[in-house]
Amino acid sequence: MAERVDHEERRRQIAEALLRIADTEGLQSASMRAVAAEAGVSLRLVQYYFATKEGLLLDAFARLGAQLQERMARRIEAAGSPPTPRGTVTAVLSSILPTDPEGRRITRTYTAYYTLVLNDPELIGRHGAAQPLLLEGFLAKQLAAAREAGEIPAGKDPQMVAAGLLAMVNGLGSSVLGGQRDGDQALAILRHHLAELFEDAGSDDR
């Protein structure tokens, strides 16, 4: 009897091979042939599951996003039950920072995709904004709940604060990868700014 093929497992195997190349060498090295070699399959099999390189890049990008979401979910769960707005915001933002091997791998791989967008904005750029916008909206809802509860100053705009916090952690991640600071120092900076935000509710909004 012929062996039954798990097609989703094959797609995952190939996409994760691309993500490993992106992490270690950058996406400029992720040719279909290189991905096939990394996955331990034939080039023809890669082309069977992904007719174009763009299709493979987008599939792998979606899987990378799912990995980050799983990391966030674990951090939110570890923050306590029921989750508080402050605990959730802290968990989400700290999960983006490259403070451990998993975080460094995810950040490096996202950086590889961002570099690709700069070189070929039509390829990934039109698909790359959806996840950050959803994340920004999620954080804004948490911050709005915190403002309603009096945990952050009433004058704070949740959408603007969420955008600023995400920009900050993305910048901190780049500074860790660049060797300017380590993960613990980046996390300390994030916690400092969150403490100022959440502990300033009783004072005038500045």
N, C-alpha and C. Protein backbone atom coordinates (compact mmCIF):
# COMPACT_ATOMS: atom_id res chain seq x y z
N MET A 1 0.85 -1.21 0.00
CA MET A 1 0.00 0.00 0.00
C MET A 1 0.88 1.25 0.00
N ALA A 2 0.54 2.20 -0.85
CA ALA A 2 1.34 3.42 -0.94
C ALA A 2 1.25 4.21 0.36
N GLU A 3 2.37 4.83 0.71
CA GLU A 3 2.40 5.63 1.93
C GLU A 3 1.54 6.88 1.76
N ARG A 4 0.71 7.15 2.77
CA ARG A 4 -0.15 8.33 2.71
C ARG A 4 0.66 9.57 3.05
N VAL A 5 0.56 10.58 2.21
CA VAL A 5 1.35 11.80 2.39
C VAL A 5 0.53 12.84 3.16
N ASP A 6 1.12 13.39 4.20
CA ASP A 6 0.51 14.50 4.94
C ASP A 6 0.95 15.79 4.27
N HIS A 7 0.07 16.34 3.45
CA HIS A 7 0.46 17.48 2.62
C HIS A 7 0.75 18.72 3.46
N GLU A 8 -0.02 18.93 4.53
CA GLU A 8 0.24 20.09 5.38
C GLU A 8 1.60 19.96 6.05
N GLU A 9 1.94 18.75 6.47
CA GLU A 9 3.25 18.53 7.08
C GLU A 9 4.37 18.81 6.08
N ARG A 10 4.17 18.42 4.83
CA ARG A 10 5.16 18.70 3.78
C ARG A 10 5.32 20.21 3.59
N ARG A 11 4.22 20.92 3.54
CA ARG A 11 4.28 22.38 3.37
C ARG A 11 4.99 23.02 4.55
N ARG A 12 4.66 22.55 5.75
CA ARG A 12 5.32 23.08 6.95
C ARG A 12 6.82 22.81 6.91
N GLN A 13 7.20 21.60 6.54
CA GLN A 13 8.61 21.22 6.46
C GLN A 13 9.38 22.14 5.51
N ILE A 14 8.78 22.43 4.37
CA ILE A 14 9.44 23.28 3.36
C ILE A 14 9.49 24.73 3.84
N ALA A 15 8.37 25.23 4.38
CA ALA A 15 8.33 26.63 4.83
C ALA A 15 9.30 26.86 5.99
N GLU A 16 9.39 25.92 6.91
CA GLU A 16 10.31 26.09 8.03
C GLU A 16 11.77 26.01 7.58
N ALA A 17 12.03 25.28 6.50
CA ALA A 17 13.39 25.28 5.94
C ALA A 17 13.74 26.68 5.44
N LEU A 18 12.79 27.34 4.79
CA LEU A 18 13.03 28.72 4.34
C LEU A 18 13.28 29.63 5.53
N LEU A 19 12.50 29.47 6.60
CA LEU A 19 12.67 30.32 7.78
C LEU A 19 14.04 30.10 8.42
N ARG A 20 14.55 28.88 8.41
CA ARG A 20 15.88 28.63 8.96
C ARG A 20 16.96 29.33 8.13
N ILE A 21 16.80 29.29 6.82
CA ILE A 21 17.76 29.99 5.95
C ILE A 21 17.68 31.49 6.19
N ALA A 22 16.46 32.01 6.28
CA ALA A 22 16.28 33.44 6.52
C ALA A 22 16.96 33.87 7.81
N ASP A 23 16.86 33.04 8.85
CA ASP A 23 17.45 33.35 10.14
C ASP A 23 18.97 33.36 10.08
N THR A 24 19.56 32.39 9.42
CA THR A 24 21.01 32.23 9.45
C THR A 24 21.74 32.94 8.32
N GLU A 25 21.09 33.07 7.16
CA GLU A 25 21.80 33.61 5.99
C GLU A 25 21.10 34.79 5.34
N GLY A 26 19.83 35.00 5.67
CA GLY A 26 19.07 36.05 5.00
C GLY A 26 18.29 35.48 3.82
N LEU A 27 17.24 36.17 3.44
CA LEU A 27 16.37 35.66 2.38
C LEU A 27 17.02 35.73 1.00
N GLN A 28 18.09 36.50 0.87
CA GLN A 28 18.77 36.52 -0.43
C GLN A 28 19.38 35.16 -0.76
N SER A 29 19.58 34.33 0.27
CA SER A 29 20.14 32.99 0.04
C SER A 29 19.07 31.92 -0.08
N ALA A 30 17.82 32.31 0.04
CA ALA A 30 16.73 31.32 0.08
C ALA A 30 16.15 31.07 -1.30
N SER A 31 16.96 30.53 -2.19
CA SER A 31 16.44 30.11 -3.48
C SER A 31 15.61 28.85 -3.30
N MET A 32 14.80 28.54 -4.27
CA MET A 32 13.99 27.32 -4.18
C MET A 32 14.90 26.09 -4.04
N ARG A 33 16.01 26.08 -4.74
CA ARG A 33 16.94 24.96 -4.66
C ARG A 33 17.57 24.86 -3.26
N ALA A 34 17.93 26.03 -2.69
CA ALA A 34 18.52 26.02 -1.35
C ALA A 34 17.50 25.55 -0.31
N VAL A 35 16.26 25.96 -0.48
CA VAL A 35 15.20 25.53 0.44
C VAL A 35 15.00 24.02 0.34
N ALA A 36 15.01 23.51 -0.87
CA ALA A 36 14.86 22.06 -1.05
C ALA A 36 15.98 21.31 -0.34
N ALA A 37 17.22 21.79 -0.50
CA ALA A 37 18.35 21.14 0.16
C ALA A 37 18.23 21.20 1.67
N GLU A 38 17.80 22.36 2.20
CA GLU A 38 17.65 22.52 3.65
C GLU A 38 16.53 21.61 4.18
N ALA A 39 15.47 21.46 3.40
CA ALA A 39 14.34 20.63 3.82
C ALA A 39 14.59 19.15 3.62
N GLY A 40 15.62 18.82 2.84
CA GLY A 40 15.91 17.42 2.55
C GLY A 40 14.94 16.79 1.58
N VAL A 41 14.44 17.61 0.64
CA VAL A 41 13.51 17.11 -0.37
C VAL A 41 14.01 17.57 -1.75
N SER A 42 13.35 17.10 -2.78
CA SER A 42 13.75 17.48 -4.14
C SER A 42 13.22 18.86 -4.49
N LEU A 43 13.89 19.52 -5.43
CA LEU A 43 13.40 20.80 -5.93
C LEU A 43 12.01 20.64 -6.54
N ARG A 44 11.79 19.54 -7.22
CA ARG A 44 10.49 19.30 -7.83
C ARG A 44 9.38 19.26 -6.77
N LEU A 45 9.68 18.69 -5.61
CA LEU A 45 8.67 18.64 -4.55
C LEU A 45 8.36 20.03 -4.02
N VAL A 46 9.39 20.86 -3.85
CA VAL A 46 9.16 22.24 -3.43
C VAL A 46 8.27 22.95 -4.44
N GLN A 47 8.54 22.76 -5.71
CA GLN A 47 7.76 23.41 -6.76
C GLN A 47 6.35 22.85 -6.86
N TYR A 48 6.16 21.61 -6.43
CA TYR A 48 4.83 21.01 -6.42
C TYR A 48 3.95 21.71 -5.38
N TYR A 49 4.52 21.97 -4.20
CA TYR A 49 3.74 22.59 -3.13
C TYR A 49 3.69 24.11 -3.23
N PHE A 50 4.71 24.69 -3.82
CA PHE A 50 4.78 26.15 -3.97
C PHE A 50 5.18 26.47 -5.39
N ALA A 51 4.21 26.85 -6.20
CA ALA A 51 4.47 27.08 -7.62
C ALA A 51 5.42 28.24 -7.85
N THR A 52 5.41 29.21 -6.92
CA THR A 52 6.27 30.38 -7.06
C THR A 52 7.02 30.63 -5.76
N LYS A 53 8.13 31.31 -5.85
CA LYS A 53 8.87 31.67 -4.65
C LYS A 53 8.06 32.64 -3.80
N GLU A 54 7.31 33.52 -4.44
CA GLU A 54 6.49 34.45 -3.67
C GLU A 54 5.49 33.70 -2.79
N GLY A 55 4.89 32.66 -3.35
CA GLY A 55 3.95 31.85 -2.57
C GLY A 55 4.63 31.21 -1.37
N LEU A 56 5.84 30.73 -1.57
CA LEU A 56 6.59 30.13 -0.45
C LEU A 56 6.95 31.18 0.59
N LEU A 57 7.40 32.34 0.15
CA LEU A 57 7.76 33.41 1.07
C LEU A 57 6.56 33.84 1.92
N LEU A 58 5.40 33.96 1.29
CA LEU A 58 4.22 34.41 2.02
C LEU A 58 3.72 33.34 2.99
N ASP A 59 3.78 32.09 2.58
CA ASP A 59 3.38 31.00 3.47
C ASP A 59 4.29 30.96 4.70
N ALA A 60 5.59 31.05 4.48
CA ALA A 60 6.53 31.03 5.59
C ALA A 60 6.36 32.25 6.49
N PHE A 61 6.05 33.40 5.89
CA PHE A 61 5.84 34.61 6.65
C PHE A 61 4.64 34.46 7.58
N ALA A 62 3.57 33.85 7.07
CA ALA A 62 2.38 33.61 7.91
C ALA A 62 2.71 32.67 9.06
N ARG A 63 3.54 31.67 8.80
CA ARG A 63 3.92 30.72 9.86
C ARG A 63 4.80 31.42 10.90
N LEU A 64 5.65 32.32 10.45
CA LEU A 64 6.46 33.09 11.40
C LEU A 64 5.56 33.92 12.31
N GLY A 65 4.54 34.53 11.72
CA GLY A 65 3.59 35.30 12.53
C GLY A 65 2.87 34.43 13.54
N ALA A 66 2.52 33.21 13.14
CA ALA A 66 1.86 32.29 14.07
C ALA A 66 2.79 31.90 15.22
N GLN A 67 4.07 31.76 14.92
CA GLN A 67 5.04 31.44 15.98
C GLN A 67 5.13 32.58 16.99
N LEU A 68 5.12 33.81 16.50
CA LEU A 68 5.16 34.96 17.42
C LEU A 68 3.87 35.02 18.24
N GLN A 69 2.74 34.74 17.62
CA GLN A 69 1.48 34.76 18.35
C GLN A 69 1.47 33.70 19.46
N GLU A 70 2.01 32.54 19.16
CA GLU A 70 2.09 31.48 20.18
C GLU A 70 2.99 31.91 21.33
N ARG A 71 4.07 32.58 21.02
CA ARG A 71 4.97 33.09 22.06
C ARG A 71 4.24 34.11 22.93
N MET A 72 3.49 35.00 22.29
CA MET A 72 2.72 35.99 23.04
C MET A 72 1.69 35.32 23.94
N ALA A 73 1.00 34.32 23.40
CA ALA A 73 -0.04 33.64 24.17
C ALA A 73 0.55 32.97 25.42
N ARG A 74 1.73 32.38 25.28
CA ARG A 74 2.37 31.75 26.44
C ARG A 74 2.72 32.79 27.49
N ARG A 75 3.21 33.95 27.05
CA ARG A 75 3.58 35.01 27.99
C ARG A 75 2.34 35.58 28.67
N ILE A 76 1.25 35.73 27.94
CA ILE A 76 0.02 36.26 28.53
C ILE A 76 -0.51 35.28 29.58
N GLU A 77 -0.49 34.00 29.26
CA GLU A 77 -0.95 32.99 30.21
C GLU A 77 -0.11 32.99 31.48
N ALA A 78 1.21 33.17 31.30
CA ALA A 78 2.11 33.16 32.45
C ALA A 78 1.96 34.42 33.30
N ALA A 79 1.34 35.47 32.74
CA ALA A 79 1.21 36.73 33.47
C ALA A 79 0.14 36.68 34.54
N GLY A 80 -0.69 35.64 34.54
CA GLY A 80 -1.70 35.52 35.58
C GLY A 80 -3.10 35.39 35.04
N SER A 81 -4.00 34.90 35.86
CA SER A 81 -5.38 34.71 35.46
C SER A 81 -6.30 35.28 36.55
N PRO A 82 -7.28 36.10 36.15
CA PRO A 82 -7.52 36.57 34.78
C PRO A 82 -6.47 37.60 34.36
N PRO A 83 -6.19 37.69 33.05
CA PRO A 83 -5.17 38.65 32.60
C PRO A 83 -5.64 40.09 32.80
N THR A 84 -4.75 40.94 33.23
CA THR A 84 -5.04 42.36 33.38
C THR A 84 -4.52 43.10 32.14
N PRO A 85 -5.04 44.29 31.85
CA PRO A 85 -4.51 45.05 30.72
C PRO A 85 -3.00 45.28 30.83
N ARG A 86 -2.55 45.66 32.02
CA ARG A 86 -1.11 45.90 32.17
C ARG A 86 -0.31 44.62 31.95
N GLY A 87 -0.78 43.52 32.54
CA GLY A 87 -0.07 42.25 32.37
C GLY A 87 -0.05 41.81 30.92
N THR A 88 -1.16 42.02 30.21
CA THR A 88 -1.23 41.62 28.81
C THR A 88 -0.32 42.47 27.95
N VAL A 89 -0.36 43.79 28.15
CA VAL A 89 0.50 44.68 27.37
C VAL A 89 1.98 44.35 27.62
N THR A 90 2.33 44.13 28.87
CA THR A 90 3.72 43.80 29.21
C THR A 90 4.12 42.48 28.57
N ALA A 91 3.24 41.48 28.63
CA ALA A 91 3.55 40.17 28.06
C ALA A 91 3.75 40.25 26.55
N VAL A 92 2.86 40.95 25.88
CA VAL A 92 2.94 41.06 24.42
C VAL A 92 4.22 41.77 24.00
N LEU A 93 4.48 42.91 24.61
CA LEU A 93 5.66 43.69 24.20
C LEU A 93 6.95 42.98 24.56
N SER A 94 7.02 42.34 25.72
CA SER A 94 8.25 41.65 26.09
C SER A 94 8.49 40.43 25.21
N SER A 95 7.41 39.83 24.69
CA SER A 95 7.59 38.67 23.83
C SER A 95 8.22 39.05 22.49
N ILE A 96 8.09 40.31 22.09
CA ILE A 96 8.68 40.77 20.83
C ILE A 96 10.19 40.96 20.97
N LEU A 97 10.64 41.26 22.19
CA LEU A 97 12.07 41.51 22.39
C LEU A 97 12.89 40.23 22.27
N PRO A 98 14.07 40.29 21.66
CA PRO A 98 14.93 39.11 21.52
C PRO A 98 15.74 38.85 22.79
N THR A 99 15.05 38.38 23.82
CA THR A 99 15.69 38.16 25.12
C THR A 99 16.14 36.73 25.34
N ASP A 100 15.80 35.83 24.41
CA ASP A 100 16.17 34.42 24.52
C ASP A 100 16.37 33.88 23.11
N PRO A 101 16.84 32.63 22.97
CA PRO A 101 17.10 32.10 21.62
C PRO A 101 15.89 32.14 20.70
N GLU A 102 14.71 31.80 21.21
CA GLU A 102 13.52 31.84 20.37
C GLU A 102 13.24 33.27 19.91
N GLY A 103 13.33 34.23 20.83
CA GLY A 103 13.08 35.62 20.48
C GLY A 103 14.09 36.15 19.48
N ARG A 104 15.35 35.76 19.64
CA ARG A 104 16.38 36.23 18.69
C ARG A 104 16.13 35.64 17.31
N ARG A 105 15.74 34.37 17.26
CA ARG A 105 15.46 33.75 15.96
C ARG A 105 14.29 34.45 15.27
N ILE A 106 13.22 34.70 16.00
CA ILE A 106 12.05 35.35 15.40
C ILE A 106 12.40 36.76 14.94
N THR A 107 13.13 37.51 15.76
CA THR A 107 13.49 38.88 15.39
C THR A 107 14.41 38.90 14.18
N ARG A 108 15.40 38.01 14.16
CA ARG A 108 16.31 37.95 12.99
C ARG A 108 15.53 37.62 11.73
N THR A 109 14.57 36.71 11.82
CA THR A 109 13.84 36.30 10.63
C THR A 109 12.91 37.41 10.15
N TYR A 110 12.26 38.10 11.07
CA TYR A 110 11.47 39.27 10.67
C TYR A 110 12.36 40.32 10.00
N THR A 111 13.56 40.51 10.54
CA THR A 111 14.49 41.48 9.95
C THR A 111 14.83 41.09 8.52
N ALA A 112 14.99 39.79 8.28
CA ALA A 112 15.27 39.32 6.92
C ALA A 112 14.12 39.66 5.99
N TYR A 113 12.89 39.54 6.46
CA TYR A 113 11.73 39.91 5.64
C TYR A 113 11.67 41.41 5.43
N TYR A 114 11.96 42.20 6.47
CA TYR A 114 11.94 43.65 6.30
C TYR A 114 12.99 44.10 5.28
N THR A 115 14.14 43.45 5.29
CA THR A 115 15.18 43.76 4.31
C THR A 115 14.69 43.44 2.90
N LEU A 116 13.96 42.34 2.76
CA LEU A 116 13.40 41.99 1.46
C LEU A 116 12.40 43.04 1.00
N VAL A 117 11.59 43.55 1.92
CA VAL A 117 10.61 44.59 1.57
C VAL A 117 11.32 45.83 1.05
N LEU A 118 12.43 46.20 1.68
CA LEU A 118 13.18 47.37 1.23
C LEU A 118 13.71 47.18 -0.18
N ASN A 119 14.14 45.95 -0.49
CA ASN A 119 14.72 45.67 -1.80
C ASN A 119 13.66 45.40 -2.87
N ASP A 120 12.52 44.88 -2.46
CA ASP A 120 11.47 44.53 -3.41
C ASP A 120 10.11 44.74 -2.74
N PRO A 121 9.69 46.00 -2.58
CA PRO A 121 8.48 46.29 -1.81
C PRO A 121 7.22 45.65 -2.36
N GLU A 122 7.17 45.37 -3.65
CA GLU A 122 5.98 44.77 -4.23
C GLU A 122 5.80 43.32 -3.81
N LEU A 123 6.89 42.66 -3.45
CA LEU A 123 6.84 41.22 -3.17
C LEU A 123 6.14 40.90 -1.87
N ILE A 124 6.57 41.54 -0.78
CA ILE A 124 6.01 41.24 0.53
C ILE A 124 5.28 42.46 1.12
N GLY A 125 5.66 43.64 0.68
CA GLY A 125 5.16 44.86 1.31
C GLY A 125 3.65 44.95 1.35
N ARG A 126 2.97 44.51 0.28
CA ARG A 126 1.52 44.64 0.26
C ARG A 126 0.83 43.65 1.20
N HIS A 127 1.59 42.67 1.71
CA HIS A 127 1.01 41.70 2.64
C HIS A 127 1.52 41.87 4.07
N GLY A 128 2.56 42.66 4.25
CA GLY A 128 3.25 42.68 5.53
C GLY A 128 2.65 43.57 6.60
N ALA A 129 1.69 44.42 6.26
CA ALA A 129 1.17 45.37 7.24
C ALA A 129 0.01 44.82 8.07
N ALA A 130 -0.61 43.73 7.62
CA ALA A 130 -1.82 43.26 8.29
C ALA A 130 -1.56 42.86 9.73
N GLN A 131 -0.55 42.06 9.96
CA GLN A 131 -0.29 41.58 11.32
C GLN A 131 0.10 42.71 12.28
N PRO A 132 1.02 43.61 11.92
CA PRO A 132 1.33 44.72 12.82
C PRO A 132 0.11 45.58 13.14
N LEU A 133 -0.77 45.79 12.17
CA LEU A 133 -1.96 46.60 12.42
C LEU A 133 -2.91 45.90 13.40
N LEU A 134 -3.04 44.58 13.26
CA LEU A 134 -3.88 43.83 14.20
C LEU A 134 -3.29 43.89 15.60
N LEU A 135 -1.98 43.75 15.69
CA LEU A 135 -1.32 43.80 16.99
C LEU A 135 -1.47 45.17 17.62
N GLU A 136 -1.30 46.20 16.82
CA GLU A 136 -1.45 47.57 17.33
C GLU A 136 -2.87 47.80 17.83
N GLY A 137 -3.86 47.28 17.08
CA GLY A 137 -5.23 47.42 17.51
C GLY A 137 -5.52 46.67 18.81
N PHE A 138 -4.93 45.48 18.95
CA PHE A 138 -5.12 44.70 20.17
C PHE A 138 -4.54 45.44 21.37
N LEU A 139 -3.34 45.97 21.22
CA LEU A 139 -2.73 46.72 22.31
C LEU A 139 -3.54 47.97 22.65
N ALA A 140 -4.05 48.63 21.63
CA ALA A 140 -4.85 49.84 21.86
C ALA A 140 -6.09 49.51 22.69
N LYS A 141 -6.73 48.37 22.43
CA LYS A 141 -7.90 47.96 23.21
C LYS A 141 -7.53 47.71 24.66
N GLN A 142 -6.37 47.08 24.89
CA GLN A 142 -5.92 46.84 26.26
C GLN A 142 -5.64 48.16 26.97
N LEU A 143 -5.04 49.08 26.27
CA LEU A 143 -4.73 50.38 26.86
C LEU A 143 -6.00 51.20 27.11
N ALA A 144 -6.98 51.07 26.23
CA ALA A 144 -8.25 51.75 26.45
C ALA A 144 -8.94 51.21 27.71
N ALA A 145 -8.85 49.89 27.90
CA ALA A 145 -9.43 49.29 29.11
C ALA A 145 -8.69 49.78 30.35
N ALA A 146 -7.37 49.89 30.23
CA ALA A 146 -6.58 50.40 31.37
C ALA A 146 -6.93 51.85 31.66
N ARG A 147 -7.14 52.64 30.64
CA ARG A 147 -7.52 54.05 30.85
C ARG A 147 -8.89 54.14 31.50
N GLU A 148 -9.83 53.29 31.06
CA GLU A 148 -11.17 53.27 31.64
C GLU A 148 -11.12 52.90 33.12
N ALA A 149 -10.16 52.04 33.46
CA ALA A 149 -10.03 51.61 34.86
C ALA A 149 -9.19 52.58 35.68
N GLY A 150 -8.71 53.64 35.06
CA GLY A 150 -7.90 54.62 35.78
C GLY A 150 -6.47 54.19 35.99
N GLU A 151 -6.01 53.22 35.20
CA GLU A 151 -4.66 52.70 35.39
C GLU A 151 -3.62 53.47 34.58
N ILE A 152 -4.08 54.22 33.57
CA ILE A 152 -3.20 55.13 32.84
C ILE A 152 -3.91 56.47 32.76
N PRO A 153 -3.17 57.55 32.54
CA PRO A 153 -3.80 58.88 32.53
C PRO A 153 -4.92 59.00 31.53
N ALA A 154 -5.97 59.73 31.92
CA ALA A 154 -7.15 59.87 31.07
C ALA A 154 -6.85 60.55 29.74
N GLY A 155 -5.80 61.38 29.72
CA GLY A 155 -5.48 62.11 28.50
C GLY A 155 -4.70 61.32 27.47
N LYS A 156 -4.32 60.08 27.79
CA LYS A 156 -3.53 59.28 26.86
C LYS A 156 -4.42 58.73 25.74
N ASP A 157 -3.93 58.80 24.52
CA ASP A 157 -4.62 58.24 23.36
C ASP A 157 -4.15 56.79 23.19
N PRO A 158 -5.00 55.79 23.43
CA PRO A 158 -4.55 54.39 23.37
C PRO A 158 -3.91 54.01 22.04
N GLN A 159 -4.46 54.51 20.93
CA GLN A 159 -3.91 54.15 19.63
C GLN A 159 -2.51 54.72 19.46
N MET A 160 -2.32 55.96 19.86
CA MET A 160 -1.00 56.58 19.74
C MET A 160 0.01 55.91 20.67
N VAL A 161 -0.43 55.61 21.88
CA VAL A 161 0.48 54.95 22.83
C VAL A 161 0.87 53.57 22.32
N ALA A 162 -0.10 52.82 21.80
CA ALA A 162 0.19 51.49 21.27
C ALA A 162 1.20 51.56 20.13
N ALA A 163 0.99 52.50 19.22
CA ALA A 163 1.93 52.66 18.09
C ALA A 163 3.32 53.01 18.59
N GLY A 164 3.40 53.90 19.57
CA GLY A 164 4.70 54.29 20.10
C GLY A 164 5.41 53.15 20.82
N LEU A 165 4.66 52.36 21.58
CA LEU A 165 5.27 51.24 22.29
C LEU A 165 5.79 50.19 21.32
N LEU A 166 5.03 49.91 20.28
CA LEU A 166 5.49 48.93 19.29
C LEU A 166 6.74 49.43 18.57
N ALA A 167 6.74 50.71 18.22
CA ALA A 167 7.93 51.28 17.57
C ALA A 167 9.14 51.17 18.49
N MET A 168 8.92 51.38 19.79
CA MET A 168 10.02 51.31 20.74
C MET A 168 10.59 49.90 20.83
N VAL A 169 9.71 48.89 20.96
CA VAL A 169 10.24 47.54 21.11
C VAL A 169 10.90 47.05 19.82
N ASN A 170 10.39 47.49 18.68
CA ASN A 170 11.06 47.12 17.43
C ASN A 170 12.45 47.73 17.37
N GLY A 171 12.56 48.99 17.80
CA GLY A 171 13.87 49.63 17.85
C GLY A 171 14.80 48.97 18.85
N LEU A 172 14.25 48.60 20.00
CA LEU A 172 15.07 47.91 21.01
C LEU A 172 15.55 46.57 20.48
N GLY A 173 14.67 45.87 19.76
CA GLY A 173 15.08 44.60 19.17
C GLY A 173 16.25 44.76 18.22
N SER A 174 16.19 45.79 17.39
CA SER A 174 17.29 46.06 16.46
C SER A 174 18.57 46.39 17.21
N SER A 175 18.44 47.10 18.32
CA SER A 175 19.65 47.46 19.09
C SER A 175 20.26 46.24 19.75
N VAL A 176 19.44 45.24 20.10
CA VAL A 176 19.99 44.00 20.65
C VAL A 176 20.72 43.22 19.56
N LEU A 177 20.08 43.09 18.41
CA LEU A 177 20.72 42.36 17.31
C LEU A 177 22.01 43.05 16.88
N GLY A 178 22.03 44.37 16.97
CA GLY A 178 23.21 45.12 16.57
C GLY A 178 24.30 45.18 17.62
N GLY A 179 24.04 44.63 18.81
CA GLY A 179 25.07 44.58 19.84
C GLY A 179 25.17 45.82 20.71
N GLN A 180 24.24 46.75 20.56
CA GLN A 180 24.28 47.96 21.37
C GLN A 180 23.97 47.66 22.83
N ARG A 181 23.05 46.72 23.05
CA ARG A 181 22.66 46.31 24.42
C ARG A 181 22.24 44.86 24.37
N ASP A 182 22.12 44.25 25.55
CA ASP A 182 21.66 42.87 25.56
C ASP A 182 20.16 42.82 25.85
N GLY A 183 19.60 41.62 25.82
CA GLY A 183 18.17 41.47 25.99
C GLY A 183 17.67 41.96 27.33
N ASP A 184 18.42 41.70 28.38
CA ASP A 184 17.99 42.15 29.71
C ASP A 184 17.93 43.66 29.79
N GLN A 185 18.88 44.34 29.17
CA GLN A 185 18.87 45.80 29.18
C GLN A 185 17.68 46.33 28.37
N ALA A 186 17.37 45.69 27.25
CA ALA A 186 16.22 46.11 26.46
C ALA A 186 14.93 45.92 27.25
N LEU A 187 14.84 44.79 27.96
CA LEU A 187 13.65 44.53 28.76
C LEU A 187 13.52 45.55 29.90
N ALA A 188 14.64 45.94 30.48
CA ALA A 188 14.61 46.93 31.56
C ALA A 188 14.11 48.27 31.03
N ILE A 189 14.49 48.65 29.83
CA ILE A 189 14.02 49.90 29.23
C ILE A 189 12.51 49.84 29.00
N LEU A 190 12.04 48.71 28.46
CA LEU A 190 10.61 48.55 28.25
C LEU A 190 9.86 48.67 29.57
N ARG A 191 10.31 47.98 30.59
CA ARG A 191 9.62 48.02 31.89
C ARG A 191 9.63 49.42 32.49
N HIS A 192 10.71 50.16 32.27
CA HIS A 192 10.79 51.53 32.75
C HIS A 192 9.68 52.38 32.13
N HIS A 193 9.52 52.28 30.82
CA HIS A 193 8.51 53.09 30.14
C HIS A 193 7.10 52.65 30.51
N LEU A 194 6.88 51.36 30.68
CA LEU A 194 5.56 50.89 31.09
C LEU A 194 5.24 51.34 32.51
N ALA A 195 6.24 51.32 33.38
CA ALA A 195 6.02 51.80 34.75
C ALA A 195 5.63 53.27 34.75
N GLU A 196 6.31 54.08 33.94
CA GLU A 196 5.95 55.50 33.84
C GLU A 196 4.52 55.67 33.33
N LEU A 197 4.13 54.84 32.36
CA LEU A 197 2.80 54.95 31.78
C LEU A 197 1.73 54.57 32.79
N PHE A 198 1.90 53.43 33.45
CA PHE A 198 0.85 52.91 34.32
C PHE A 198 0.86 53.54 35.71
N GLU A 199 1.98 54.04 36.14
CA GLU A 199 2.05 54.61 37.48
C GLU A 199 1.83 56.11 37.49
N ASP A 200 1.58 56.67 36.30
CA ASP A 200 1.41 58.12 36.21
C ASP A 200 -0.06 58.52 36.15
N ALA A 201 -0.96 57.54 36.39
CA ALA A 201 -2.39 57.84 36.24
C ALA A 201 -2.89 58.88 37.23
N GLY A 202 -2.24 58.99 38.38
CA GLY A 202 -2.70 59.92 39.39
C GLY A 202 -2.17 61.33 39.21
N SER A 203 -1.28 61.53 38.25
CA SER A 203 -0.70 62.86 38.05
C SER A 203 -1.26 63.47 36.77
N ASP A 204 -0.93 64.72 36.56
CA ASP A 204 -1.39 65.40 35.34
C ASP A 204 -0.73 64.76 34.15
N ASP A 205 -1.48 64.65 33.06
CA ASP A 205 -0.93 64.11 31.81
C ASP A 205 0.06 65.12 31.21
N ARG A 206 1.28 64.62 30.98
CA ARG A 206 2.31 65.53 30.48
C ARG A 206 2.64 65.18 29.05
